[in-house]
């Protein structure tokens, strides 16, 4: 399953809920304000750095660039462009958006 989180972890608990239920083989894509979860040196950085076993974390690069966050992303978070976003959607059997 692909989980998409678009809310800041500093404003709501969508990311924490998502990471709690994500199963091995799942992917989590951070978009829009959700990319703030991937910012190094924050209270949630460690949780993002070490998701559940077998869960991969991605962040949408254009959203990172739009917010001036380049170079401040937690190690291990993979950056994807819009084509990579489409690839993630098509390579997973289901998509869950966390609102």
N, C-alpha and C. Protein backbone atom coordinates (compact mmCIF):
# COMPACT_ATOMS: atom_id res chain seq x y z
N UNK A 1 0.84 -1.18 0.00
CA UNK A 1 0.00 0.00 0.00
C UNK A 1 0.88 1.24 0.00
N UNK A 2 0.42 2.26 -0.72
CA UNK A 2 1.06 3.57 -0.70
C UNK A 2 0.24 4.48 0.20
N UNK A 3 0.88 5.06 1.19
CA UNK A 3 0.24 6.01 2.09
C UNK A 3 0.73 7.40 1.70
N UNK A 4 -0.19 8.34 1.53
CA UNK A 4 0.18 9.70 1.17
C UNK A 4 -0.22 10.63 2.30
N UNK A 5 0.76 11.38 2.80
CA UNK A 5 0.53 12.30 3.92
C UNK A 5 0.82 13.71 3.43
N UNK A 6 -0.17 14.60 3.55
CA UNK A 6 0.02 15.97 3.08
C UNK A 6 -0.07 17.02 4.18
N UNK A 7 -0.19 16.61 5.42
CA UNK A 7 -0.31 17.55 6.53
C UNK A 7 0.98 17.57 7.36
N UNK A 8 1.31 18.73 7.87
CA UNK A 8 2.48 18.87 8.73
C UNK A 8 2.30 18.05 10.01
N UNK A 9 3.35 17.35 10.44
CA UNK A 9 3.24 16.59 11.69
C UNK A 9 3.19 17.49 12.91
N UNK A 10 3.40 18.79 12.70
CA UNK A 10 3.35 19.74 13.80
C UNK A 10 1.95 20.34 13.95
N UNK A 11 1.03 19.96 13.05
CA UNK A 11 -0.33 20.47 13.11
C UNK A 11 -1.38 19.38 13.31
N UNK A 12 -1.05 18.14 12.92
CA UNK A 12 -2.01 17.05 13.11
C UNK A 12 -1.26 15.73 13.25
N UNK A 13 -1.98 14.69 13.58
CA UNK A 13 -1.35 13.39 13.86
C UNK A 13 -1.44 12.40 12.70
N UNK A 14 -1.71 12.88 11.49
CA UNK A 14 -1.87 11.98 10.34
C UNK A 14 -0.64 11.12 10.11
N UNK A 15 0.54 11.71 10.17
CA UNK A 15 1.76 10.93 9.94
C UNK A 15 1.94 9.85 10.99
N UNK A 16 1.75 10.20 12.24
CA UNK A 16 1.93 9.21 13.31
C UNK A 16 0.93 8.07 13.16
N UNK A 17 -0.31 8.39 12.84
CA UNK A 17 -1.32 7.35 12.61
C UNK A 17 -0.93 6.48 11.43
N UNK A 18 -0.46 7.10 10.37
CA UNK A 18 -0.03 6.37 9.18
C UNK A 18 1.11 5.41 9.52
N UNK A 19 2.13 5.91 10.19
CA UNK A 19 3.28 5.06 10.51
C UNK A 19 2.92 3.93 11.46
N UNK A 20 1.91 4.14 12.29
CA UNK A 20 1.47 3.13 13.23
C UNK A 20 0.83 1.93 12.51
N UNK A 21 0.15 2.18 11.40
CA UNK A 21 -0.56 1.10 10.71
C UNK A 21 0.15 0.59 9.46
N UNK A 22 1.17 1.29 8.99
CA UNK A 22 1.87 0.87 7.77
C UNK A 22 2.53 -0.50 7.97
N UNK A 23 2.32 -1.37 7.02
CA UNK A 23 2.84 -2.74 7.08
C UNK A 23 4.12 -2.87 6.26
N UNK A 24 4.92 -3.89 6.52
CA UNK A 24 6.11 -4.12 5.69
C UNK A 24 5.72 -4.18 4.22
N UNK A 25 6.53 -3.55 3.39
CA UNK A 25 6.26 -3.48 1.96
C UNK A 25 5.52 -2.22 1.56
N UNK A 26 5.03 -1.47 2.54
CA UNK A 26 4.31 -0.23 2.27
C UNK A 26 5.30 0.90 1.99
N UNK A 27 4.78 1.94 1.37
CA UNK A 27 5.55 3.15 1.14
C UNK A 27 4.74 4.32 1.68
N UNK A 28 5.45 5.32 2.20
CA UNK A 28 4.82 6.54 2.69
C UNK A 28 5.40 7.69 1.87
N UNK A 29 4.52 8.45 1.23
CA UNK A 29 4.94 9.59 0.43
C UNK A 29 4.49 10.87 1.12
N UNK A 30 5.45 11.72 1.42
CA UNK A 30 5.17 13.02 2.04
C UNK A 30 5.05 14.06 0.95
N UNK A 31 3.91 14.76 0.92
CA UNK A 31 3.68 15.81 -0.07
C UNK A 31 3.18 17.06 0.64
N UNK A 32 3.16 18.17 -0.10
CA UNK A 32 2.67 19.44 0.43
C UNK A 32 3.32 19.72 1.79
N UNK A 33 2.56 20.09 2.81
CA UNK A 33 3.15 20.38 4.13
C UNK A 33 3.63 19.13 4.85
N UNK A 34 3.27 17.96 4.35
CA UNK A 34 3.76 16.72 4.94
C UNK A 34 5.27 16.59 4.86
N UNK A 35 5.90 17.32 3.93
CA UNK A 35 7.36 17.22 3.79
C UNK A 35 8.09 17.75 5.02
N UNK A 36 7.42 18.56 5.83
CA UNK A 36 8.07 19.05 7.05
C UNK A 36 8.45 17.91 7.99
N UNK A 37 7.80 16.77 7.86
CA UNK A 37 8.14 15.60 8.68
C UNK A 37 9.53 15.09 8.35
N UNK A 38 9.99 15.38 7.14
CA UNK A 38 11.30 14.88 6.70
C UNK A 38 12.43 15.86 7.00
N UNK A 39 12.15 16.91 7.75
CA UNK A 39 13.15 17.91 8.07
C UNK A 39 14.07 17.42 9.19
N UNK A 40 15.36 17.41 8.91
CA UNK A 40 16.35 16.98 9.91
C UNK A 40 16.33 17.92 11.11
N UNK A 41 16.59 17.36 12.29
CA UNK A 41 16.71 18.15 13.50
C UNK A 41 15.41 18.51 14.18
N UNK A 42 14.30 17.92 13.77
CA UNK A 42 13.02 18.22 14.40
C UNK A 42 12.61 17.09 15.35
N UNK A 43 11.53 17.31 16.06
CA UNK A 43 11.03 16.33 17.01
C UNK A 43 10.58 15.04 16.33
N UNK A 44 10.19 15.08 15.07
CA UNK A 44 9.71 13.89 14.38
C UNK A 44 10.78 13.26 13.48
N UNK A 45 11.93 13.87 13.38
CA UNK A 45 12.98 13.37 12.47
C UNK A 45 13.36 11.93 12.77
N UNK A 46 13.49 11.57 14.01
CA UNK A 46 13.90 10.20 14.36
C UNK A 46 12.82 9.19 13.95
N UNK A 47 11.58 9.55 14.11
CA UNK A 47 10.47 8.66 13.72
C UNK A 47 10.47 8.44 12.21
N UNK A 48 10.80 9.46 11.46
CA UNK A 48 10.86 9.37 10.01
C UNK A 48 12.11 8.60 9.58
N UNK A 49 13.19 8.80 10.30
CA UNK A 49 14.44 8.11 9.99
C UNK A 49 14.31 6.60 10.20
N UNK A 50 13.50 6.21 11.15
CA UNK A 50 13.34 4.79 11.48
C UNK A 50 11.87 4.39 11.48
N UNK A 51 11.30 4.28 10.29
CA UNK A 51 9.90 3.82 10.23
C UNK A 51 9.85 2.34 10.58
N UNK A 52 8.69 1.77 10.56
CA UNK A 52 8.55 0.33 10.81
C UNK A 52 9.39 -0.46 9.81
N UNK A 53 9.82 -1.62 10.21
CA UNK A 53 10.62 -2.49 9.35
C UNK A 53 9.92 -2.71 8.02
N UNK A 54 10.63 -2.48 6.94
CA UNK A 54 10.09 -2.74 5.61
C UNK A 54 9.23 -1.63 5.03
N UNK A 55 9.13 -0.50 5.71
CA UNK A 55 8.36 0.64 5.21
C UNK A 55 9.36 1.67 4.65
N UNK A 56 9.12 2.09 3.41
CA UNK A 56 10.00 3.07 2.77
C UNK A 56 9.34 4.44 2.79
N UNK A 57 10.16 5.47 2.99
CA UNK A 57 9.66 6.85 3.04
C UNK A 57 10.16 7.64 1.85
N UNK A 58 9.25 8.40 1.25
CA UNK A 58 9.55 9.23 0.10
C UNK A 58 9.04 10.64 0.38
N UNK A 59 9.62 11.62 -0.29
CA UNK A 59 9.12 12.99 -0.21
C UNK A 59 9.13 13.56 -1.63
N UNK A 60 8.13 14.37 -1.92
CA UNK A 60 8.00 14.96 -3.24
C UNK A 60 8.96 16.14 -3.36
N UNK A 61 9.96 16.01 -4.22
CA UNK A 61 11.01 17.01 -4.37
C UNK A 61 10.49 18.39 -4.74
N UNK A 62 9.52 18.53 -5.65
CA UNK A 62 9.03 19.88 -5.94
C UNK A 62 8.42 20.58 -4.72
N UNK A 63 7.81 19.84 -3.82
CA UNK A 63 7.26 20.45 -2.60
C UNK A 63 8.38 20.86 -1.65
N UNK A 64 9.44 20.09 -1.61
CA UNK A 64 10.61 20.45 -0.80
C UNK A 64 11.23 21.73 -1.33
N UNK A 65 11.40 21.79 -2.64
CA UNK A 65 11.98 22.98 -3.27
C UNK A 65 11.08 24.20 -3.07
N UNK A 66 9.78 24.04 -3.22
CA UNK A 66 8.84 25.15 -3.06
C UNK A 66 8.89 25.74 -1.66
N UNK A 67 9.26 24.94 -0.67
CA UNK A 67 9.31 25.40 0.71
C UNK A 67 10.74 25.71 1.17
N UNK A 68 11.69 25.66 0.24
CA UNK A 68 13.08 26.00 0.56
C UNK A 68 13.74 25.03 1.51
N UNK A 69 13.38 23.76 1.44
CA UNK A 69 13.89 22.77 2.39
C UNK A 69 15.03 21.91 1.83
N UNK A 70 15.55 22.24 0.65
CA UNK A 70 16.62 21.44 0.08
C UNK A 70 17.80 21.39 1.06
N UNK A 71 18.43 20.23 1.13
CA UNK A 71 19.59 20.07 2.00
C UNK A 71 19.26 19.89 3.46
N UNK A 72 18.00 19.88 3.82
CA UNK A 72 17.62 19.74 5.23
C UNK A 72 16.78 18.50 5.46
N UNK A 73 16.87 17.53 4.57
CA UNK A 73 16.01 16.36 4.63
C UNK A 73 16.71 15.22 5.38
N UNK A 74 15.94 14.51 6.18
CA UNK A 74 16.43 13.39 6.97
C UNK A 74 17.05 12.33 6.05
N UNK A 75 18.19 11.82 6.45
CA UNK A 75 18.83 10.75 5.70
C UNK A 75 17.91 9.54 5.63
N UNK A 76 17.84 8.95 4.44
CA UNK A 76 17.01 7.77 4.25
C UNK A 76 15.68 8.05 3.58
N UNK A 77 15.26 9.31 3.58
CA UNK A 77 14.04 9.68 2.86
C UNK A 77 14.41 9.85 1.39
N UNK A 78 13.71 9.14 0.54
CA UNK A 78 14.00 9.19 -0.89
C UNK A 78 13.17 10.29 -1.54
N UNK A 79 13.81 11.10 -2.36
CA UNK A 79 13.11 12.17 -3.06
C UNK A 79 12.61 11.67 -4.40
N UNK A 80 11.39 12.07 -4.74
CA UNK A 80 10.81 11.71 -6.03
C UNK A 80 10.25 12.96 -6.69
N UNK A 81 10.25 12.96 -8.02
CA UNK A 81 9.60 14.02 -8.77
C UNK A 81 8.18 13.57 -9.09
N UNK A 82 7.48 14.31 -9.94
CA UNK A 82 6.10 13.95 -10.25
C UNK A 82 6.01 12.59 -10.96
N UNK A 83 6.97 12.31 -11.82
CA UNK A 83 6.99 11.00 -12.49
C UNK A 83 7.19 9.89 -11.46
N UNK A 84 8.03 10.13 -10.46
CA UNK A 84 8.22 9.16 -9.39
C UNK A 84 6.97 8.97 -8.56
N UNK A 85 6.21 10.04 -8.36
CA UNK A 85 4.92 9.98 -7.67
C UNK A 85 3.99 9.03 -8.42
N UNK A 86 3.91 9.21 -9.73
CA UNK A 86 3.06 8.34 -10.55
C UNK A 86 3.54 6.90 -10.47
N UNK A 87 4.86 6.70 -10.52
CA UNK A 87 5.41 5.34 -10.41
C UNK A 87 5.01 4.69 -9.09
N UNK A 88 5.06 5.46 -7.99
CA UNK A 88 4.67 4.91 -6.69
C UNK A 88 3.20 4.51 -6.69
N UNK A 89 2.35 5.34 -7.25
CA UNK A 89 0.92 5.04 -7.29
C UNK A 89 0.67 3.78 -8.10
N UNK A 90 1.30 3.67 -9.26
CA UNK A 90 1.04 2.52 -10.14
C UNK A 90 1.70 1.23 -9.66
N UNK A 91 2.71 1.34 -8.80
CA UNK A 91 3.39 0.13 -8.34
C UNK A 91 2.82 -0.43 -7.04
N UNK A 92 1.81 0.22 -6.49
CA UNK A 92 1.15 -0.27 -5.28
C UNK A 92 -0.30 -0.63 -5.58
N UNK A 93 -0.78 -1.65 -4.94
CA UNK A 93 -2.14 -2.14 -5.22
C UNK A 93 -3.23 -1.24 -4.64
N UNK A 94 -2.89 -0.43 -3.65
CA UNK A 94 -3.87 0.46 -3.04
C UNK A 94 -3.17 1.74 -2.59
N UNK A 95 -3.94 2.81 -2.52
CA UNK A 95 -3.42 4.11 -2.09
C UNK A 95 -4.32 4.64 -0.99
N UNK A 96 -3.73 5.09 0.10
CA UNK A 96 -4.47 5.67 1.23
C UNK A 96 -3.96 7.09 1.45
N UNK A 97 -4.84 8.07 1.32
CA UNK A 97 -4.46 9.46 1.63
C UNK A 97 -4.87 9.76 3.06
N UNK A 98 -3.94 10.31 3.82
CA UNK A 98 -4.19 10.65 5.21
C UNK A 98 -4.51 12.14 5.29
N UNK A 99 -5.71 12.45 5.71
CA UNK A 99 -6.16 13.83 5.74
C UNK A 99 -6.17 14.38 7.15
